[in-house]
Protein backbone atom coordinates (compact mmCIF):
# COMPACT_ATOMS: atom_id res chain seq x y z
CA MET A 1 22.87 39.94 171.21
CA ARG A 2 24.56 42.86 172.53
CA VAL A 3 27.75 41.04 171.84
CA GLY A 4 26.84 40.30 168.22
CA LEU A 5 26.22 43.81 167.78
CA ILE A 6 29.40 44.88 169.22
CA LEU A 7 30.99 42.44 166.85
CA ILE A 8 29.26 43.97 164.10
CA VAL A 9 30.37 47.25 164.85
CA VAL A 10 33.90 46.25 165.31
CA VAL A 11 33.76 44.57 162.09
CA ALA A 12 32.49 47.38 160.49
CA ALA A 13 34.87 49.72 162.03
CA CYS A 14 37.60 47.41 160.69
CA PHE A 15 36.35 47.49 157.23
CA CYS A 16 36.08 51.17 157.36
CA VAL A 17 39.72 51.40 158.78
CA LEU A 18 40.71 49.17 156.05
CA ALA A 19 38.82 51.04 153.28
CA ALA A 20 40.47 54.27 154.63
CA GLY A 21 43.70 52.82 154.41
CA GLU A 22 43.41 51.53 151.03
CA ALA A 23 42.33 54.88 150.13
CA VAL A 24 45.27 56.49 151.56
CA ARG A 25 47.57 54.01 149.96
CA ARG A 26 45.87 54.52 146.67
CA SER A 27 46.21 58.39 147.01
CA ASP A 28 49.94 58.04 147.97
CA ALA A 29 50.39 55.69 144.97
CA ARG A 30 48.81 58.17 142.68
CA GLU A 31 50.83 61.30 144.27
CA SER A 32 54.08 59.00 143.99
CA ALA A 33 53.15 58.16 140.53
CA ALA A 34 52.52 62.04 139.81
CA ARG A 35 55.76 63.02 141.37
CA GLU A 36 57.58 60.23 139.49
CA ALA A 37 55.90 61.36 136.16
CA ALA A 38 56.99 64.92 137.02
CA ILE A 39 60.67 63.92 137.82
CA THR A 40 60.76 61.99 134.62
CA ALA A 41 59.34 64.70 132.52
CA ARG A 42 61.92 67.20 134.19
CA LEU A 43 64.68 64.63 133.59
CA ALA A 44 63.59 64.36 130.02
CA ALA A 45 63.47 68.12 129.81
CA GLU A 46 67.02 68.56 131.48
CA SER A 47 68.39 65.83 128.90
CA GLU A 48 66.85 67.72 126.06
CA ARG A 49 68.17 70.83 127.14
CA GLU A 50 71.66 69.36 127.65
CA ALA A 51 71.13 67.83 124.23
CA LEU A 52 70.39 71.15 122.90
CA LEU A 53 73.31 73.02 124.63
CA ALA A 54 75.76 70.61 123.29
CA VAL A 55 74.54 71.04 119.82
CA ALA A 56 74.76 75.04 120.44
CA ARG A 57 78.25 74.54 121.66
CA GLU A 58 79.46 72.59 118.66
CA GLU A 59 77.79 75.02 116.58
CA ALA A 60 79.56 77.68 118.33
CA SER A 61 82.74 75.83 117.90
CA ARG A 62 82.32 75.50 114.59
CA ALA A 63 81.43 79.16 114.12
CA ARG A 64 84.73 80.24 116.17
CA LYS A 65 86.89 77.96 113.92
CA ALA A 66 85.39 79.30 110.74
CA SER A 67 85.78 82.86 112.18
CA ASP A 68 89.44 82.23 113.00
CA LEU A 69 90.11 80.92 109.47
CA LEU A 70 88.38 83.70 108.10
CA GLU A 71 90.45 86.20 110.26
CA VAL A 72 93.67 84.24 109.04
CA LYS A 73 92.60 84.63 105.47
CA LEU A 74 91.87 88.27 105.79
CA LEU A 75 95.43 89.00 107.43
CA ALA A 76 97.06 87.00 104.57
CA SER A 77 94.91 88.96 102.13
CA HIS A 78 95.89 92.38 103.80
CA GLU A 79 99.59 91.06 103.79
CA SER A 80 99.45 90.06 100.00
CA ALA A 81 97.70 93.35 99.23
CA ALA A 82 100.35 95.41 101.33
CA SER A 83 102.94 93.46 99.47
CA ALA A 84 101.30 94.01 96.23
CA ARG A 85 101.14 97.80 97.13
CA ARG A 86 104.74 97.82 97.97
CA ASN A 87 105.63 96.20 94.62
CA SER A 88 103.35 98.45 92.56
CA ASP A 89 105.03 101.56 94.42
CA ARG A 90 108.60 100.24 93.61
CA GLN A 91 107.57 99.64 90.28
CA GLN A 92 106.19 103.08 89.60
CA MET A 93 109.23 104.44 91.20
CA GLU A 94 111.56 102.38 88.80
CA LEU A 95 109.27 103.48 85.87
CA LEU A 96 109.51 107.02 86.76
CA VAL A 97 113.41 106.58 87.09
CA ALA A 98 113.62 104.85 83.69
CA ASN A 99 111.36 107.53 82.11
CA ASP A 100 113.76 110.24 83.41
CA ARG A 101 116.69 108.42 82.23
CA LEU A 102 114.86 107.94 78.76
CA GLU A 103 114.13 111.71 78.67
CA LYS A 104 117.67 112.66 79.29
CA ALA A 105 118.93 110.34 76.79
CA TYR A 106 116.53 111.61 73.99
CA LYS A 107 117.69 115.15 75.13
CA ASP A 108 121.33 114.16 74.97
CA ILE A 109 120.71 112.43 71.51
CA ALA A 110 119.09 115.52 70.24
CA GLU A 111 121.79 117.63 71.31
CA MET A 112 124.53 115.25 69.80
CA GLU A 113 122.62 115.24 66.48
CA LYS A 114 122.45 119.04 66.40
CA GLN A 115 126.16 119.28 67.29
CA ILE A 116 126.64 116.67 64.47
CA VAL A 117 124.76 118.84 62.19
CA ASP A 118 126.62 121.77 63.07
CA VAL A 119 129.98 120.17 62.76
CA SER A 120 129.12 118.63 59.53
CA ARG A 121 128.00 122.05 58.27
CA ALA A 122 131.25 123.46 59.59
CA LYS A 123 133.27 120.76 57.70
CA ASN A 124 131.24 121.37 54.60
CA ASP A 125 131.94 124.97 54.81
CA LEU A 126 135.71 124.41 55.53
CA GLU A 127 135.92 121.93 52.71
CA GLN A 128 134.44 124.61 50.31
CA GLN A 129 136.69 127.26 51.47
CA LEU A 130 139.62 125.07 51.16
CA ALA A 131 138.41 124.01 47.63
CA GLU A 132 138.44 127.71 46.86
CA LEU A 133 141.54 128.61 48.38
CA ARG A 134 143.68 125.49 47.87
CA PRO A 135 146.38 126.23 45.23
CA ARG A 136 145.61 124.86 41.77
CA PRO A 137 147.96 122.03 40.18
CA GLY A 138 151.17 123.69 39.23
CA MET A 139 150.78 126.68 41.33
CA PRO A 140 153.14 127.10 44.56
CA GLY A 141 151.35 127.13 47.83
CA PRO A 142 151.81 130.11 50.09
CA LEU A 143 155.06 130.70 51.99
CA GLU A 144 154.68 130.40 55.72
CA PRO A 145 156.45 133.09 57.74
CA LYS A 146 157.72 132.16 61.33
CA ILE A 147 154.48 131.69 63.51
CA ASP A 148 154.25 129.91 66.76
CA GLY A 149 151.30 128.87 68.60
CA VAL A 150 149.49 126.29 70.62
CA VAL A 151 146.78 123.85 70.17
CA LEU A 152 143.52 125.01 71.88
CA GLY A 153 141.51 121.91 71.01
CA VAL A 154 141.06 118.66 69.13
CA SER A 155 138.24 116.75 67.70
CA GLU A 156 139.61 113.35 66.12
CA LYS A 157 136.26 112.53 65.14
CA VAL A 158 135.93 115.12 62.40
CA ASN A 159 139.80 115.65 62.19
CA LEU A 160 139.46 119.17 63.50
CA ILE A 161 142.44 120.94 65.33
CA LEU A 162 141.95 124.70 66.52
CA ILE A 163 145.13 126.66 67.14
CA SER A 164 145.86 129.86 69.02
CA VAL A 165 147.12 132.07 65.92
CA GLY A 166 144.88 133.36 63.32
CA GLY A 167 144.48 136.24 60.82
CA LYS A 168 146.13 139.04 63.14
CA ASP A 169 149.13 136.63 63.16
CA LYS A 170 149.18 136.61 59.36
CA VAL A 171 148.04 133.04 59.44
CA GLN A 172 146.56 131.90 56.02
CA VAL A 173 144.55 128.91 54.60
CA GLY A 174 146.98 126.30 53.30
CA TYR A 175 149.65 127.14 55.81
CA LYS A 176 151.34 124.19 57.35
CA PHE A 177 152.42 123.82 60.85
CA THR A 178 154.60 121.43 62.72
CA VAL A 179 153.11 119.93 66.13
CA TYR A 180 155.52 119.36 69.05
CA ARG A 181 155.21 118.34 72.54
CA GLY A 182 158.17 119.83 74.47
CA SER A 183 160.97 118.85 72.17
CA ALA A 184 159.32 115.90 70.56
CA TYR A 185 157.83 115.82 67.27
CA VAL A 186 154.18 114.89 67.26
CA SER A 187 152.49 115.71 63.73
CA LYS A 188 151.75 118.04 61.07
CA ILE A 189 148.62 120.04 60.27
CA ILE A 190 147.31 122.52 57.64
CA VAL A 191 145.10 125.48 57.90
CA ASP A 192 141.61 125.26 56.54
CA ARG A 193 140.05 128.38 58.00
CA VAL A 194 141.23 131.43 59.54
CA GLU A 195 139.59 133.84 62.24
CA ASP A 196 141.27 136.85 63.70
CA GLY A 197 142.27 135.12 66.88
CA TRP A 198 142.46 131.47 65.89
CA ALA A 199 142.51 129.04 63.18
CA ALA A 200 141.03 125.67 62.28
CA CYS A 201 143.18 122.98 60.59
CA ARG A 202 143.12 119.34 59.79
CA GLU A 203 145.72 116.86 60.62
CA LEU A 204 148.06 115.38 58.02
CA THR A 205 147.74 111.83 59.06
CA ASP A 206 150.38 110.50 56.90
CA PHE A 207 152.88 112.59 59.16
CA ARG A 208 151.54 111.45 62.37
CA LYS A 209 153.88 110.23 65.06
CA GLU A 210 151.44 110.51 67.97
CA ALA A 211 148.05 111.88 68.59
CA ILE A 212 147.69 115.75 68.75
CA ARG A 213 146.66 116.85 72.36
CA GLU A 214 145.37 120.22 73.51
CA GLY A 215 148.41 122.38 74.94
CA ASP A 216 150.89 120.85 72.06
CA SER A 217 153.10 123.51 70.42
CA VAL A 218 152.86 124.44 66.65
CA SER A 219 155.16 126.25 64.62
CA THR A 220 155.81 127.05 60.81
CA ARG A 221 159.25 126.88 61.20
CA VAL A 222 159.89 123.33 60.22
CA PHE A 223 157.63 121.67 57.22
CA ASP A 224 159.97 118.93 55.40
């Protein structure tokens, strides 16, 4: 009986040991499963974070490319603006120069028109005086004494020759002078207006051999 009791106790002890081992195994399994779940969750979280990081890197790369492109466009825009500004400055300078030239041209034209008007008036005065003083048909012209002088100025446009002799030298309207250059004959002129120290003449172009120039000699000694 004592042996049977011992066997029962031994069997019970074995069952207790087996039960405790099973409980330990189940606890270890639960802990292992929990650790595995935790590791799996961590790995999933790391994968998600890596995916988000990759997306962020891609977005940053696109943003950097867009920024570089904008910077290139901005530089090109600045260069274009600088070039346009330089062109504008050059055109403004050219416009100022053109305006200055145009203003000077207008002034020159106005001065020339004034001179033309003055010359036209002087010519009309000379023609009127010549008409009044020119000998009438059938009347002999004035007899020229010996008078020598030089040409002071020539204007071919209005056929005007100024000579260095005038009223104080007894020059009169209608007197005719022969023009010489050295010993060479040049042309003939006739007096249209007389002042004290000079006279205004016109060239008798039918007698021209050469163009009259300033500094040529004039004389009444030879006419025909």
